[in-house]
Amino acid sequence: MNFALIGVAGYIAPRHMQAIKDCGHNLVAAYDLNDSVGIGRRD
């Protein structure tokens, strides 16, 4: 199953991303207007 996550700049986002991975699913899109903790950043 594919997932899109809206709101990835928060502190709980890493847990949601890990849960998606642990269940064998795919995170295909992630988006947030802000980057308050650097979770969604690609450097």
Foldseek 3Di string as FASTA:
>chain_A
DEDEAEDCQDPCNVVVVVVCVVVPHYHPYYDYPDNNPPRPDDD
